[in-house]
C-alpha atoms as a PDB file:
ATOM      1  CA  UNK A   1       0.523  -1.729 -29.571  1.00  0.00           C
ATOM      2  CA  UNK A   2      -0.139  -1.559 -25.797  1.00  0.00           C
ATOM      3  CA  UNK A   3      -3.581  -1.684 -24.752  1.00  0.00           C
ATOM      4  CA  UNK A   4      -3.100   1.246 -22.161  1.00  0.00           C
ATOM      5  CA  UNK A   5      -1.863   4.771 -22.883  1.00  0.00           C
ATOM      6  CA  UNK A   6      -0.905   4.947 -18.975  1.00  0.00           C
ATOM      7  CA  UNK A   7      -0.217   2.366 -16.386  1.00  0.00           C
ATOM      8  CA  UNK A   8      -0.361   3.345 -12.650  1.00  0.00           C
ATOM      9  CA  UNK A   9       1.030   1.335  -9.603  1.00  0.00           C
ATOM     10  CA  UNK A  10       0.369   1.072  -6.104  1.00  0.00           C
ATOM     11  CA  UNK A  11       3.597   1.007  -3.893  1.00  0.00           C
ATOM     12  CA  UNK A  12       2.979  -1.067  -0.694  1.00  0.00           C
ATOM     13  CA  UNK A  13       2.351  -4.813  -0.753  1.00  0.00           C
ATOM     14  CA  UNK A  14       2.082  -4.205  -4.746  1.00  0.00           C
ATOM     15  CA  UNK A  15       5.757  -3.032  -6.017  1.00  0.00           C
ATOM     16  CA  UNK A  16       7.308  -3.765  -2.517  1.00  0.00           C
ATOM     17  CA  UNK A  17       6.952  -5.485   0.874  1.00  0.00           C
ATOM     18  CA  UNK A  18       8.407  -4.469   4.110  1.00  0.00           C
ATOM     19  CA  UNK A  19      11.083  -6.612   5.514  1.00  0.00           C
ATOM     20  CA  UNK A  20      10.669  -5.978   9.101  1.00  0.00           C
ATOM     21  CA  UNK A  21       8.751  -8.495  10.831  1.00  0.00           C
ATOM     22  CA  UNK A  22       5.688  -7.520  12.880  1.00  0.00           C
ATOM     23  CA  UNK A  23       7.477  -8.947  15.946  1.00  0.00           C
ATOM     24  CA  UNK A  24      10.455  -6.511  15.453  1.00  0.00           C
ATOM     25  CA  UNK A  25       8.177  -3.555  15.355  1.00  0.00           C
ATOM     26  CA  UNK A  26       5.876  -4.574  18.102  1.00  0.00           C
ATOM     27  CA  UNK A  27       8.953  -5.215  20.593  1.00  0.00           C
ATOM     28  CA  UNK A  28      10.419  -2.292  19.452  1.00  0.00           C
ATOM     29  CA  UNK A  29       7.445  -0.281  20.134  1.00  0.00           C
ATOM     30  CA  UNK A  30       7.518  -1.341  24.046  1.00  0.00           C
ATOM     31  CA  UNK A  31      11.540  -0.862  24.250  1.00  0.00           C
ATOM     32  CA  UNK A  32      11.297   2.593  22.836  1.00  0.00           C
ATOM     33  CA  UNK A  33       8.511   3.676  25.203  1.00  0.00           C
ATOM     34  CA  UNK A  34      10.388   1.923  28.258  1.00  0.00           C
ATOM     35  CA  UNK A  35       7.289  -0.097  29.111  1.00  0.00           C
ATOM     36  CA  UNK A  36       6.761  -3.653  30.016  1.00  0.00           C
ATOM     37  CA  UNK A  37       5.484  -5.687  27.083  1.00  0.00           C
ATOM     38  CA  UNK A  38       1.835  -7.214  26.913  1.00  0.00           C
ATOM     39  CA  UNK A  39       0.238  -8.988  23.939  1.00  0.00           C
ATOM     40  CA  UNK A  40       1.340  -9.873  20.607  1.00  0.00           C
ATOM     41  CA  UNK A  41       1.619  -8.458  17.387  1.00  0.00           C
ATOM     42  CA  UNK A  42      -1.481 -10.151  16.239  1.00  0.00           C
ATOM     43  CA  UNK A  43      -3.699  -8.465  19.030  1.00  0.00           C
ATOM     44  CA  UNK A  44      -2.573  -4.804  17.483  1.00  0.00           C
ATOM     45  CA  UNK A  45      -3.307  -5.942  13.990  1.00  0.00           C
ATOM     46  CA  UNK A  46      -6.846  -7.285  15.195  1.00  0.00           C
ATOM     47  CA  UNK A  47      -7.282  -3.949  17.243  1.00  0.00           C
ATOM     48  CA  UNK A  48      -6.530  -1.386  14.414  1.00  0.00           C
ATOM     49  CA  UNK A  49      -9.835  -0.236  13.309  1.00  0.00           C
ATOM     50  CA  UNK A  50      -9.980   0.156   9.491  1.00  0.00           C
ATOM     51  CA  UNK A  51      -7.135   1.837   7.408  1.00  0.00           C
ATOM     52  CA  UNK A  52      -4.452   4.060   8.996  1.00  0.00           C
ATOM     53  CA  UNK A  53      -5.501   7.828   9.513  1.00  0.00           C
ATOM     54  CA  UNK A  54      -2.777   9.428   7.650  1.00  0.00           C
ATOM     55  CA  UNK A  55      -3.723  12.969   9.519  1.00  0.00           C
ATOM     56  CA  UNK A  56      -3.280  11.197  12.880  1.00  0.00           C
ATOM     57  CA  UNK A  57      -1.256   8.332  12.677  1.00  0.00           C
ATOM     58  CA  UNK A  58      -0.033   8.352  16.057  1.00  0.00           C
ATOM     59  CA  UNK A  59      -3.648   8.498  17.399  1.00  0.00           C
ATOM     60  CA  UNK A  60      -4.521   5.631  14.962  1.00  0.00           C
ATOM     61  CA  UNK A  61      -1.917   3.546  16.624  1.00  0.00           C
ATOM     62  CA  UNK A  62      -2.796   4.715  20.061  1.00  0.00           C
ATOM     63  CA  UNK A  63      -6.323   3.675  19.776  1.00  0.00           C
ATOM     64  CA  UNK A  64      -5.121   0.210  18.636  1.00  0.00           C
ATOM     65  CA  UNK A  65      -2.856  -0.021  21.660  1.00  0.00           C
ATOM     66  CA  UNK A  66      -5.582   0.933  23.881  1.00  0.00           C
ATOM     67  CA  UNK A  67      -7.759  -1.766  22.739  1.00  0.00           C
ATOM     68  CA  UNK A  68      -4.767  -4.271  23.352  1.00  0.00           C
ATOM     69  CA  UNK A  69      -4.245  -2.825  26.888  1.00  0.00           C
ATOM     70  CA  UNK A  70      -7.560  -3.280  27.717  1.00  0.00           C
ATOM     71  CA  UNK A  71      -7.839  -6.825  26.485  1.00  0.00           C
ATOM     72  CA  UNK A  72      -4.668  -7.510  28.951  1.00  0.00           C
ATOM     73  CA  UNK A  73      -5.979  -5.552  31.665  1.00  0.00           C
ATOM     74  CA  UNK A  74      -3.373  -2.868  31.425  1.00  0.00           C
ATOM     75  CA  UNK A  75      -5.723   0.351  31.517  1.00  0.00           C
ATOM     76  CA  UNK A  76      -3.633   3.379  32.196  1.00  0.00           C
ATOM     77  CA  UNK A  77      -0.787   2.447  30.226  1.00  0.00           C
ATOM     78  CA  UNK A  78       0.783   5.456  27.867  1.00  0.00           C
ATOM     79  CA  UNK A  79      -0.429   4.368  24.659  1.00  0.00           C
ATOM     80  CA  UNK A  80       0.620   7.437  23.074  1.00  0.00           C
ATOM     81  CA  UNK A  81       4.238   6.614  24.048  1.00  0.00           C
ATOM     82  CA  UNK A  82       3.829   2.829  22.328  1.00  0.00           C
ATOM     83  CA  UNK A  83       2.319   4.671  19.256  1.00  0.00           C
ATOM     84  CA  UNK A  84       5.546   6.758  19.041  1.00  0.00           C
ATOM     85  CA  UNK A  85       7.778   3.843  19.829  1.00  0.00           C
ATOM     86  CA  UNK A  86       6.111   1.957  16.980  1.00  0.00           C
ATOM     87  CA  UNK A  87       6.578   4.609  14.498  1.00  0.00           C
ATOM     88  CA  UNK A  88      10.238   5.198  15.410  1.00  0.00           C
ATOM     89  CA  UNK A  89      10.893   1.369  15.098  1.00  0.00           C
ATOM     90  CA  UNK A  90       9.595   1.232  11.772  1.00  0.00           C
ATOM     91  CA  UNK A  91      12.475   1.415   9.153  1.00  0.00           C
ATOM     92  CA  UNK A  92      10.842   2.850   6.070  1.00  0.00           C
ATOM     93  CA  UNK A  93      14.131   1.936   4.146  1.00  0.00           C
ATOM     94  CA  UNK A  94      13.717  -1.851   4.973  1.00  0.00           C
ATOM     95  CA  UNK A  95      11.658  -2.697   1.921  1.00  0.00           C
ATOM     96  CA  UNK A  96      12.322  -5.232  -0.938  1.00  0.00           C
ATOM     97  CA  UNK A  97      10.427  -5.710  -4.473  1.00  0.00           C
ATOM     98  CA  UNK A  98       7.708  -8.279  -4.672  1.00  0.00           C
ATOM     99  CA  UNK A  99       8.421 -10.963  -7.015  1.00  0.00           C
ATOM    100  CA  UNK A 100       8.227  -9.783 -10.448  1.00  0.00           C
ATOM    101  CA  UNK A 101       7.779  -6.157  -9.487  1.00  0.00           C
ATOM    102  CA  UNK A 102      10.990  -4.945 -11.341  1.00  0.00           C
ATOM    103  CA  UNK A 103      10.009  -7.024 -14.566  1.00  0.00           C
ATOM    104  CA  UNK A 104       6.392  -5.535 -14.546  1.00  0.00           C
ATOM    105  CA  UNK A 105       7.657  -1.885 -13.896  1.00  0.00           C
ATOM    106  CA  UNK A 106       9.923  -2.365 -17.019  1.00  0.00           C
ATOM    107  CA  UNK A 107       7.316  -3.873 -19.206  1.00  0.00           C
ATOM    108  CA  UNK A 108       5.131  -0.970 -18.178  1.00  0.00           C
ATOM    109  CA  UNK A 109       7.837   1.297 -18.874  1.00  0.00           C
ATOM    110  CA  UNK A 110       8.248  -0.145 -22.544  1.00  0.00           C
ATOM    111  CA  UNK A 111       4.524   0.134 -23.274  1.00  0.00           C
ATOM    112  CA  UNK A 112       3.166   3.205 -21.748  1.00  0.00           C
ATOM    113  CA  UNK A 113       3.330   6.085 -19.397  1.00  0.00           C
ATOM    114  CA  UNK A 114       3.862   5.271 -15.964  1.00  0.00           C
ATOM    115  CA  UNK A 115       2.577   6.581 -12.554  1.00  0.00           C
ATOM    116  CA  UNK A 116       2.829   5.683  -8.882  1.00  0.00           C
ATOM    117  CA  UNK A 117      -0.423   6.450  -6.593  1.00  0.00           C
ATOM    118  CA  UNK A 118       0.152   5.698  -3.096  1.00  0.00           C
ATOM    119  CA  UNK A 119      -1.872   6.440   0.011  1.00  0.00           C
ATOM    120  CA  UNK A 120       1.327   7.072   2.133  1.00  0.00           C
ATOM    121  CA  UNK A 121       2.631  10.434   2.510  1.00  0.00           C
ATOM    122  CA  UNK A 122       5.943  11.664   0.719  1.00  0.00           C
ATOM    123  CA  UNK A 123       8.116  11.635   3.763  1.00  0.00           C
ATOM    124  CA  UNK A 124       7.758   8.029   4.137  1.00  0.00           C
ATOM    125  CA  UNK A 125       7.155   6.886   0.587  1.00  0.00           C
ATOM    126  CA  UNK A 126      10.087   8.756  -0.907  1.00  0.00           C
ATOM    127  CA  UNK A 127      12.422   6.684   1.387  1.00  0.00           C
ATOM    128  CA  UNK A 128      10.942   3.519   0.154  1.00  0.00           C
ATOM    129  CA  UNK A 129      11.604   4.579  -3.436  1.00  0.00           C
ATOM    130  CA  UNK A 130      14.957   5.580  -2.812  1.00  0.00           C
ATOM    131  CA  UNK A 131      15.832   2.332  -0.995  1.00  0.00           C
ATOM    132  CA  UNK A 132      14.250   0.458  -4.083  1.00  0.00           C
ATOM    133  CA  UNK A 133      16.223   2.607  -6.629  1.00  0.00           C
ATOM    134  CA  UNK A 134      12.988   3.574  -8.347  1.00  0.00           C
ATOM    135  CA  UNK A 135      12.484   7.188  -7.315  1.00  0.00           C
ATOM    136  CA  UNK A 136      13.112   8.315 -11.036  1.00  0.00           C
ATOM    137  CA  UNK A 137      10.892   5.392 -12.694  1.00  0.00           C
ATOM    138  CA  UNK A 138       8.085   7.193 -12.789  1.00  0.00           C
ATOM    139  CA  UNK A 139       6.626   9.858 -15.256  1.00  0.00           C
ATOM    140  CA  UNK A 140       4.006  11.145 -12.419  1.00  0.00           C
ATOM    141  CA  UNK A 141       4.101  10.245  -8.707  1.00  0.00           C
ATOM    142  CA  UNK A 142       1.091  10.942  -6.465  1.00  0.00           C
ATOM    143  CA  UNK A 143       1.558  10.793  -2.728  1.00  0.00           C
ATOM    144  CA  UNK A 144      -2.354  10.521  -1.665  1.00  0.00           C
ATOM    145  CA  UNK A 145      -1.300  10.766   1.854  1.00  0.00           C
ATOM    146  CA  UNK A 146      -0.621  14.400   1.554  1.00  0.00           C
ATOM    147  CA  UNK A 147      -3.759  15.060  -0.066  1.00  0.00           C
ATOM    148  CA  UNK A 148      -7.428  15.926   1.286  1.00  0.00           C
ATOM    149  CA  UNK A 149      -8.545  12.577  -0.317  1.00  0.00           C
ATOM    150  CA  UNK A 150      -6.868   9.170  -0.750  1.00  0.00           C
ATOM    151  CA  UNK A 151      -7.616   6.147  -2.660  1.00  0.00           C
ATOM    152  CA  UNK A 152     -10.334   4.814  -3.099  1.00  0.00           C
ATOM    153  CA  UNK A 153     -11.621   8.381  -3.836  1.00  0.00           C
ATOM    154  CA  UNK A 154     -10.922   9.307  -7.493  1.00  0.00           C
ATOM    155  CA  UNK A 155      -8.845  12.459  -6.749  1.00  0.00           C
ATOM    156  CA  UNK A 156      -5.467  10.624  -6.638  1.00  0.00           C
ATOM    157  CA  UNK A 157      -5.983   8.973  -9.598  1.00  0.00           C
ATOM    158  CA  UNK A 158      -7.177  11.965 -11.478  1.00  0.00           C
ATOM    159  CA  UNK A 159      -4.096  13.762 -10.573  1.00  0.00           C
ATOM    160  CA  UNK A 160      -1.878  11.281 -12.017  1.00  0.00           C
ATOM    161  CA  UNK A 161      -4.006  10.842 -15.047  1.00  0.00           C
ATOM    162  CA  UNK A 162      -3.707  14.851 -15.284  1.00  0.00           C
ATOM    163  CA  UNK A 163      -0.122  14.605 -14.938  1.00  0.00           C
ATOM    164  CA  UNK A 164       0.411  12.252 -17.401  1.00  0.00           C
ATOM    165  CA  UNK A 165      -2.089  13.893 -19.966  1.00  0.00           C
ATOM    166  CA  UNK A 166      -3.713  10.474 -20.201  1.00  0.00           C
ATOM    167  CA  UNK A 167      -7.756   9.506 -20.196  1.00  0.00           C
ATOM    168  CA  UNK A 168      -9.192   7.165 -17.852  1.00  0.00           C
ATOM    169  CA  UNK A 169     -10.729   4.979 -20.195  1.00  0.00           C
ATOM    170  CA  UNK A 170      -7.275   4.278 -21.904  1.00  0.00           C
ATOM    171  CA  UNK A 171      -5.669   3.540 -18.519  1.00  0.00           C
ATOM    172  CA  UNK A 172      -4.760   0.731 -15.922  1.00  0.00           C
ATOM    173  CA  UNK A 173      -4.057   0.636 -12.374  1.00  0.00           C
ATOM    174  CA  UNK A 174      -2.268  -2.099 -10.586  1.00  0.00           C
ATOM    175  CA  UNK A 175      -2.602  -2.761  -6.710  1.00  0.00           C
ATOM    176  CA  UNK A 176      -2.975  -5.327  -3.938  1.00  0.00           C
ATOM    177  CA  UNK A 177      -6.178  -4.004  -2.491  1.00  0.00           C
ATOM    178  CA  UNK A 178      -9.682  -4.691  -3.535  1.00  0.00           C
ATOM    179  CA  UNK A 179     -11.199  -1.617  -1.590  1.00  0.00           C
ATOM    180  CA  UNK A 180      -8.555   1.016  -2.460  1.00  0.00           C
ATOM    181  CA  UNK A 181      -6.852  -0.064  -5.560  1.00  0.00           C
ATOM    182  CA  UNK A 182      -9.711  -1.905  -7.665  1.00  0.00           C
ATOM    183  CA  UNK A 183     -12.644   0.019  -6.429  1.00  0.00           C
ATOM    184  CA  UNK A 184     -10.656   3.288  -6.286  1.00  0.00           C
ATOM    185  CA  UNK A 185      -9.547   2.525  -9.885  1.00  0.00           C
ATOM    186  CA  UNK A 186     -13.141   1.877 -11.117  1.00  0.00           C
ATOM    187  CA  UNK A 187     -14.642   4.851  -9.571  1.00  0.00           C
ATOM    188  CA  UNK A 188     -11.992   7.005 -11.220  1.00  0.00           C
ATOM    189  CA  UNK A 189     -12.908   5.184 -14.767  1.00  0.00           C
ATOM    190  CA  UNK A 190      -9.648   3.128 -14.985  1.00  0.00           C
ATOM    191  CA  UNK A 191      -9.428  -0.447 -15.507  1.00  0.00           C
ATOM    192  CA  UNK A 192      -7.880  -2.442 -12.656  1.00  0.00           C
ATOM    193  CA  UNK A 193      -5.414  -5.148 -12.050  1.00  0.00           C
ATOM    194  CA  UNK A 194      -5.682  -6.837  -8.696  1.00  0.00           C
ATOM    195  CA  UNK A 195      -2.431  -8.627  -7.305  1.00  0.00           C
ATOM    196  CA  UNK A 196      -3.268  -9.833  -3.807  1.00  0.00           C
ATOM    197  CA  UNK A 197      -0.560 -10.536  -1.351  1.00  0.00           C
ATOM    198  CA  UNK A 198      -0.064 -14.138  -0.767  1.00  0.00           C
ATOM    199  CA  UNK A 199      -1.783 -15.658   2.031  1.00  0.00           C
ATOM    200  CA  UNK A 200      -2.519 -18.883   3.916  1.00  0.00           C
ATOM    201  CA  UNK A 201      -5.963 -19.367   1.885  1.00  0.00           C
ATOM    202  CA  UNK A 202      -8.022 -18.586   4.847  1.00  0.00           C
ATOM    203  CA  UNK A 203     -10.154 -15.641   4.772  1.00  0.00           C
ATOM    204  CA  UNK A 204      -8.946 -14.814   1.307  1.00  0.00           C
ATOM    205  CA  UNK A 205     -10.887 -11.654  -0.317  1.00  0.00           C
ATOM    206  CA  UNK A 206     -13.546 -12.658  -2.927  1.00  0.00           C
ATOM    207  CA  UNK A 207     -12.785 -10.499  -5.936  1.00  0.00           C
ATOM    208  CA  UNK A 208     -15.952 -11.263  -7.517  1.00  0.00           C
ATOM    209  CA  UNK A 209     -18.067  -7.838  -6.353  1.00  0.00           C
ATOM    210  CA  UNK A 210     -15.053  -5.784  -7.407  1.00  0.00           C
ATOM    211  CA  UNK A 211     -14.912  -7.327 -10.902  1.00  0.00           C
ATOM    212  CA  UNK A 212     -11.055  -6.577 -11.463  1.00  0.00           C
ATOM    213  CA  UNK A 213     -10.118  -6.480 -15.154  1.00  0.00           C
ATOM    214  CA  UNK A 214      -7.211  -8.675 -14.447  1.00  0.00           C
ATOM    215  CA  UNK A 215      -6.187 -11.003 -11.425  1.00  0.00           C
ATOM    216  CA  UNK A 216      -2.639 -11.821 -11.116  1.00  0.00           C
ATOM    217  CA  UNK A 217      -1.052 -14.559  -9.155  1.00  0.00           C
ATOM    218  CA  UNK A 218       2.217 -12.633  -9.166  1.00  0.00           C
ATOM    219  CA  UNK A 219       3.461  -9.366 -10.995  1.00  0.00           C
ATOM    220  CA  UNK A 220       5.508 -11.775 -13.017  1.00  0.00           C
ATOM    221  CA  UNK A 221       2.317 -12.451 -15.058  1.00  0.00           C
ATOM    222  CA  UNK A 222       1.882  -8.585 -15.689  1.00  0.00           C
ATOM    223  CA  UNK A 223       4.043  -8.350 -18.922  1.00  0.00           C
ATOM    224  CA  UNK A 224       1.561 -10.886 -20.586  1.00  0.00           C
ATOM    225  CA  UNK A 225      -1.412  -8.261 -20.231  1.00  0.00           C
ATOM    226  CA  UNK A 226       0.678  -5.870 -22.265  1.00  0.00           C
ATOM    227  CA  UNK A 227       1.433  -8.547 -24.835  1.00  0.00           C
ATOM    228  CA  UNK A 228      -2.330  -9.129 -25.271  1.00  0.00           C
ATOM    229  CA  UNK A 229      -2.491 -12.077 -22.883  1.00  0.00           C
ATOM    230  CA  UNK A 230      -5.467 -12.862 -20.688  1.00  0.00           C
END
């Protein structure tokens, strides 16, 4: 028997990854805005403050570009235009499965009710689901980006469990973020499986204080959880 009645998955950097390079998107922002380039993608990533603001994604990006502009003595540049250029350059259909994701999703569907809980809004995330061919793979889908509260708040998890008619203490959430997925799941009373994105080993997050029930090197290891493995 499966140890869980319901299994929830995160989407971005858990089931899928964006295939566009940071360089492509960064350069595209300047091209779309008709501005001479300054800085590098790494400058923008470092300048973005915290998680994206789904209520004002343009403003969130504009603030980041503003910090990069100041760093390169480009005060007065139209950072809103850069933010809009960034947004139109991103191809939300340019996604692919993370290794083991398809097998993990299939195993989950064989063992339990399956839900998706993503912090992105439906207008973006549905494009990714269609591109991956998994729009109909879930018994419940929660686009928390369209909700007043997002992960790590319990509300998105609670909505998914309600839709699945499942209890939190018999459910598992799988995600890549310690803060949003693992801590969020725990706040809602679920167990959590953490599957981080591969890095170069420098500055890797320490899961100790978050205490996920499972730490996965790859989603290819996920079926073992359902078969009673460690």
